[in-house]
Amino acid sequence: MVALDKTKTALNELGFSVVNNVYSEYEIELISSFINGLDTSKPIFRKTDDLFAIRQFVKEFPEIKSLLFNDNLKKIIQEIGGENCFVVKSIYFDKPEKSNWFVAYHQDLTISVDKKIETEGFGPWTVKQNQFAVQPTLDILENIFTIRIHLDDTDENNGALKVIDKSHTKSIYRTETINWDIEKETICSVNSGGIMLMKPLILHGSNRTQNNKRRRVIHIEFSSKDLPENLKWAELATLTN
């Protein structure tokens, strides 16, 4: 792995960083086998021709933590978020070989909470499949960082994430106001067993698959902040128990 101080600097300054060789081939096989053995009939599973996803992945299957949080990943998490950070959201994505699905540029502006409680600075609210989401205050968003664990080699040909460098420093940045004369786009290629780290405020998206190669990613968001009032994270999980 690269030096963690460089990883942290890149994340803070550019809004993203890529670290390869976080997992061995054997560890990726174990994670893949675990996912393949799950009962997909539960409502947390989303299945279409273009996408297979598992919401609240870590919360629903806590036994996966022993496979995901190896020594390498724990070191990275603690370096970036400190000793007291915890999981606040996790999703498993499988973009199949024939998928024609793409994601337009956007920021991740909402968090998942256990119930709707009107709170100053929080809103608007949405609810989908009994899951409450809300846009929190800026300090909450700025405290979150995301780690995307790649189970397959991913590049510009099979939907690797693309980002606008440093866009996380511009607060809420509407896509219709992007000035392409000054902004830089980066395609974040990641090897199987590697990870991408990103700030939720960075503008990011992905293109359609062009080479008929699968892309499986485990998306995990972390924070070290408790929510105000009586709000609680919908999916709070530690790195161990």
Protein backbone atom coordinates (compact mmCIF):
# COMPACT_ATOMS: atom_id res chain seq x y z
CA MET A 1 0.00 0.00 0.00
CA VAL A 2 1.05 3.62 -0.48
CA ALA A 3 2.01 5.82 2.45
CA LEU A 4 -1.13 6.70 4.37
CA ASP A 5 -0.12 10.34 4.82
CA LYS A 6 -0.21 10.74 1.02
CA THR A 7 -3.59 9.02 0.89
CA LYS A 8 -5.00 11.36 3.52
CA THR A 9 -3.56 14.44 1.81
CA ALA A 10 -5.04 13.44 -1.54
CA LEU A 11 -8.44 12.78 0.02
CA ASN A 12 -8.49 16.16 1.75
CA GLU A 13 -7.09 18.20 -1.14
CA LEU A 14 -8.49 16.45 -4.22
CA GLY A 15 -11.55 14.83 -2.61
CA PHE A 16 -10.53 11.29 -3.53
CA SER A 17 -7.68 8.77 -3.45
CA VAL A 18 -7.06 5.25 -4.75
CA VAL A 19 -5.18 2.57 -2.77
CA ASN A 20 -4.51 -0.79 -4.41
CA ASN A 21 -3.48 -4.08 -2.76
CA VAL A 22 -5.63 -3.62 0.34
CA TYR A 23 -6.94 -7.19 -0.05
CA SER A 24 -5.29 -10.35 -1.32
CA GLU A 25 -6.86 -12.48 -4.06
CA TYR A 26 -7.81 -15.00 -1.39
CA GLU A 27 -9.57 -12.34 0.71
CA ILE A 28 -11.53 -11.15 -2.33
CA GLU A 29 -12.56 -14.76 -3.02
CA LEU A 30 -13.83 -15.12 0.57
CA ILE A 31 -15.86 -11.90 0.34
CA SER A 32 -17.29 -12.94 -3.03
CA SER A 33 -18.21 -16.39 -1.74
CA PHE A 34 -19.99 -14.87 1.25
CA ILE A 35 -22.10 -12.62 -1.01
CA ASN A 36 -22.87 -15.44 -3.42
CA GLY A 37 -24.24 -17.52 -0.56
CA LEU A 38 -26.78 -14.94 0.66
CA ASP A 39 -30.55 -15.40 0.52
CA THR A 40 -31.60 -12.70 -1.96
CA SER A 41 -35.32 -12.87 -1.22
CA LYS A 42 -35.19 -10.17 1.49
CA PRO A 43 -36.53 -6.66 0.69
CA ILE A 44 -33.06 -5.15 1.23
CA PHE A 45 -32.02 -6.71 -2.09
CA ARG A 46 -32.60 -4.79 -5.31
CA LYS A 47 -32.50 -6.85 -8.49
CA THR A 48 -32.84 -5.57 -12.06
CA ASP A 49 -31.20 -6.41 -15.38
CA ASP A 50 -28.75 -3.54 -14.90
CA LEU A 51 -28.07 -3.67 -11.18
CA PHE A 52 -27.99 -5.95 -8.17
CA ALA A 53 -27.66 -4.19 -4.83
CA ILE A 54 -27.85 -4.93 -1.11
CA ARG A 55 -28.82 -2.04 1.14
CA GLN A 56 -27.56 -1.76 4.73
CA PHE A 57 -25.07 -4.48 3.89
CA VAL A 58 -22.95 -4.35 7.05
CA LYS A 59 -25.94 -3.93 9.36
CA GLU A 60 -27.87 -6.83 7.85
CA PHE A 61 -24.84 -9.12 7.66
CA PRO A 62 -22.48 -8.14 10.52
CA GLU A 63 -20.46 -11.32 10.05
CA ILE A 64 -19.01 -9.73 6.88
CA LYS A 65 -17.04 -7.30 9.05
CA SER A 66 -14.38 -9.89 9.85
CA LEU A 67 -13.73 -10.19 6.09
CA LEU A 68 -13.98 -6.51 5.16
CA PHE A 69 -12.11 -4.89 8.03
CA ASN A 70 -8.73 -6.53 7.68
CA ASP A 71 -5.61 -4.93 9.19
CA ASN A 72 -4.92 -2.90 6.04
CA LEU A 73 -8.39 -1.35 5.92
CA LYS A 74 -8.47 -0.68 9.67
CA LYS A 75 -5.21 1.27 9.42
CA ILE A 76 -6.60 3.35 6.58
CA ILE A 77 -9.89 4.04 8.38
CA GLN A 78 -8.14 5.08 11.60
CA GLU A 79 -5.69 7.31 9.71
CA ILE A 80 -8.48 9.08 7.85
CA GLY A 81 -11.23 9.19 10.46
CA GLY A 82 -9.53 8.64 13.79
CA GLU A 83 -10.06 5.97 16.42
CA ASN A 84 -13.72 6.85 17.04
CA CYS A 85 -15.22 6.67 13.56
CA PHE A 86 -17.99 4.20 12.71
CA VAL A 87 -20.02 2.93 9.77
CA VAL A 88 -23.11 5.01 8.91
CA LYS A 89 -24.11 3.52 5.54
CA SER A 90 -23.16 0.51 3.43
CA ILE A 91 -24.34 -0.80 0.05
CA TYR A 92 -23.14 -3.63 -2.15
CA PHE A 93 -23.39 -2.93 -5.89
CA ASP A 94 -23.04 -5.42 -8.71
CA LYS A 95 -23.02 -3.82 -12.17
CA PRO A 96 -23.33 -6.89 -14.45
CA GLU A 97 -21.38 -7.50 -17.65
CA LYS A 98 -24.26 -6.48 -19.93
CA SER A 99 -25.32 -3.50 -17.82
CA ASN A 100 -26.14 -0.32 -19.71
CA TRP A 101 -26.60 1.67 -16.50
CA PHE A 102 -24.81 4.97 -15.91
CA VAL A 103 -24.87 7.59 -13.17
CA ALA A 104 -24.86 11.30 -13.93
CA TYR A 105 -22.61 13.66 -12.00
CA HIS A 106 -23.90 14.33 -8.49
CA GLN A 107 -22.90 14.85 -4.86
CA ASP A 108 -23.96 12.52 -2.03
CA LEU A 109 -26.01 15.00 -0.02
CA THR A 110 -28.20 12.80 2.18
CA ILE A 111 -27.71 10.56 5.18
CA SER A 112 -29.89 7.67 6.40
CA VAL A 113 -31.59 8.05 9.78
CA ASP A 114 -33.89 5.79 11.78
CA LYS A 115 -36.91 8.12 11.87
CA LYS A 116 -38.13 11.53 10.73
CA ILE A 117 -37.64 14.19 13.39
CA GLU A 118 -37.84 17.79 12.23
CA THR A 119 -34.45 19.30 13.12
CA GLU A 120 -33.04 22.74 12.41
CA GLY A 121 -30.73 22.71 9.40
CA PHE A 122 -31.89 19.25 8.25
CA GLY A 123 -33.96 18.89 5.08
CA PRO A 124 -35.48 18.11 2.69
CA TRP A 125 -36.62 14.66 3.78
CA THR A 126 -37.36 11.60 1.65
CA VAL A 127 -38.51 8.07 2.45
CA LYS A 128 -38.05 4.96 0.33
CA GLN A 129 -38.90 1.43 1.44
CA ASN A 130 -39.26 2.62 5.06
CA GLN A 131 -35.79 4.17 4.96
CA PHE A 132 -35.63 7.86 5.94
CA ALA A 133 -33.05 10.07 4.25
CA VAL A 134 -32.33 13.73 4.87
CA GLN A 135 -29.83 16.36 3.82
CA PRO A 136 -27.97 17.28 7.03
CA THR A 137 -26.00 20.37 7.96
CA LEU A 138 -22.74 20.93 6.09
CA ASP A 139 -20.53 20.00 9.06
CA ILE A 140 -22.06 16.50 9.09
CA LEU A 141 -21.45 16.02 5.35
CA GLU A 142 -17.89 17.30 5.60
CA ASN A 143 -17.12 14.82 8.39
CA ILE A 144 -18.16 11.78 6.32
CA PHE A 145 -15.76 9.86 4.11
CA THR A 146 -16.51 6.93 1.82
CA ILE A 147 -14.51 3.79 1.07
CA ARG A 148 -15.40 1.79 -2.04
CA ILE A 149 -13.99 -1.76 -1.95
CA HIS A 150 -13.50 -3.17 -5.45
CA LEU A 151 -14.03 -6.88 -6.04
CA ASP A 152 -13.20 -6.56 -9.76
CA ASP A 153 -10.73 -4.61 -11.87
CA THR A 154 -12.50 -1.38 -12.81
CA ASP A 155 -11.53 1.23 -15.38
CA GLU A 156 -13.15 3.62 -17.86
CA ASN A 157 -14.46 0.68 -19.90
CA ASN A 158 -16.61 -0.91 -17.19
CA GLY A 159 -17.99 2.01 -15.27
CA ALA A 160 -15.14 3.23 -13.06
CA LEU A 161 -16.14 6.26 -11.01
CA LYS A 162 -15.28 9.62 -12.55
CA VAL A 163 -14.84 12.70 -10.39
CA ILE A 164 -14.33 16.44 -10.65
CA ASP A 165 -11.09 17.13 -8.76
CA LYS A 166 -11.45 19.40 -5.72
CA SER A 167 -15.19 19.92 -6.23
CA HIS A 168 -15.77 18.88 -2.60
CA THR A 169 -14.32 22.25 -1.52
CA LYS A 170 -17.16 24.17 -3.20
CA SER A 171 -19.94 23.19 -0.78
CA ILE A 172 -23.18 22.42 -2.66
CA TYR A 173 -22.10 22.45 -6.31
CA ARG A 174 -24.91 22.18 -8.85
CA THR A 175 -24.00 20.17 -11.93
CA GLU A 176 -25.60 22.71 -14.27
CA THR A 177 -23.04 25.29 -13.11
CA ILE A 178 -19.93 23.20 -13.86
CA ASN A 179 -17.41 25.26 -15.80
CA TRP A 180 -15.60 22.67 -17.92
CA ASP A 181 -12.99 25.26 -18.92
CA ILE A 182 -11.55 25.19 -15.41
CA GLU A 183 -12.61 21.84 -13.95
CA LYS A 184 -10.59 18.62 -14.26
CA GLU A 185 -12.24 15.22 -14.66
CA THR A 186 -10.44 12.10 -13.39
CA ILE A 187 -11.38 8.48 -14.11
CA CYS A 188 -10.61 6.48 -10.95
CA SER A 189 -9.36 3.08 -12.10
CA VAL A 190 -9.07 0.59 -9.24
CA ASN A 191 -7.70 -2.95 -9.27
CA SER A 192 -9.53 -5.88 -7.72
CA GLY A 193 -8.56 -5.84 -4.03
CA GLY A 194 -8.06 -2.09 -4.06
CA ILE A 195 -10.19 0.73 -2.67
CA MET A 196 -11.23 4.23 -3.62
CA LEU A 197 -11.69 6.82 -0.89
CA MET A 198 -13.84 9.88 -1.51
CA LYS A 199 -15.58 12.79 0.12
CA PRO A 200 -19.37 12.73 -0.36
CA LEU A 201 -19.35 16.34 -1.58
CA ILE A 202 -17.11 15.57 -4.55
CA LEU A 203 -18.98 15.55 -7.86
CA HIS A 204 -18.91 11.98 -9.14
CA GLY A 205 -20.62 9.74 -11.68
CA SER A 206 -19.97 6.72 -13.88
CA ASN A 207 -20.38 5.73 -17.52
CA ARG A 208 -21.99 2.72 -19.13
CA THR A 209 -20.08 -0.55 -19.35
CA GLN A 210 -18.40 -0.98 -22.74
CA ASN A 211 -16.25 -4.12 -22.38
CA ASN A 212 -18.74 -6.60 -20.90
CA LYS A 213 -16.75 -6.90 -17.68
CA ARG A 214 -18.42 -7.07 -14.29
CA ARG A 215 -18.01 -4.38 -11.64
CA ARG A 216 -18.74 -5.25 -8.00
CA VAL A 217 -18.21 -2.62 -5.32
CA ILE A 218 -18.90 -2.44 -1.58
CA HIS A 219 -19.65 1.21 -0.70
CA ILE A 220 -19.17 2.10 3.00
CA GLU A 221 -19.57 5.55 4.58
CA PHE A 222 -17.92 6.50 7.87
CA SER A 223 -18.36 9.33 10.36
CA SER A 224 -17.18 10.27 13.84
CA LYS A 225 -20.07 12.64 14.59
CA ASP A 226 -23.22 11.95 16.56
CA LEU A 227 -26.37 13.50 15.14
CA PRO A 228 -28.14 16.35 17.00
CA GLU A 229 -31.39 16.22 18.97
CA ASN A 230 -32.94 12.75 18.90
CA LEU A 231 -31.78 11.86 15.40
CA LYS A 232 -29.91 8.58 15.06
CA TRP A 233 -27.98 7.04 12.19
CA ALA A 234 -30.08 4.28 10.60
CA GLU A 235 -27.08 2.05 10.14
CA LEU A 236 -24.54 2.63 12.89
CA ALA A 237 -21.95 -0.12 13.15
CA THR A 238 -18.51 -0.43 14.70
CA LEU A 239 -15.56 -1.98 12.90
CA THR A 240 -15.57 -5.06 15.09
CA ASN A 241 -18.53 -6.27 17.13
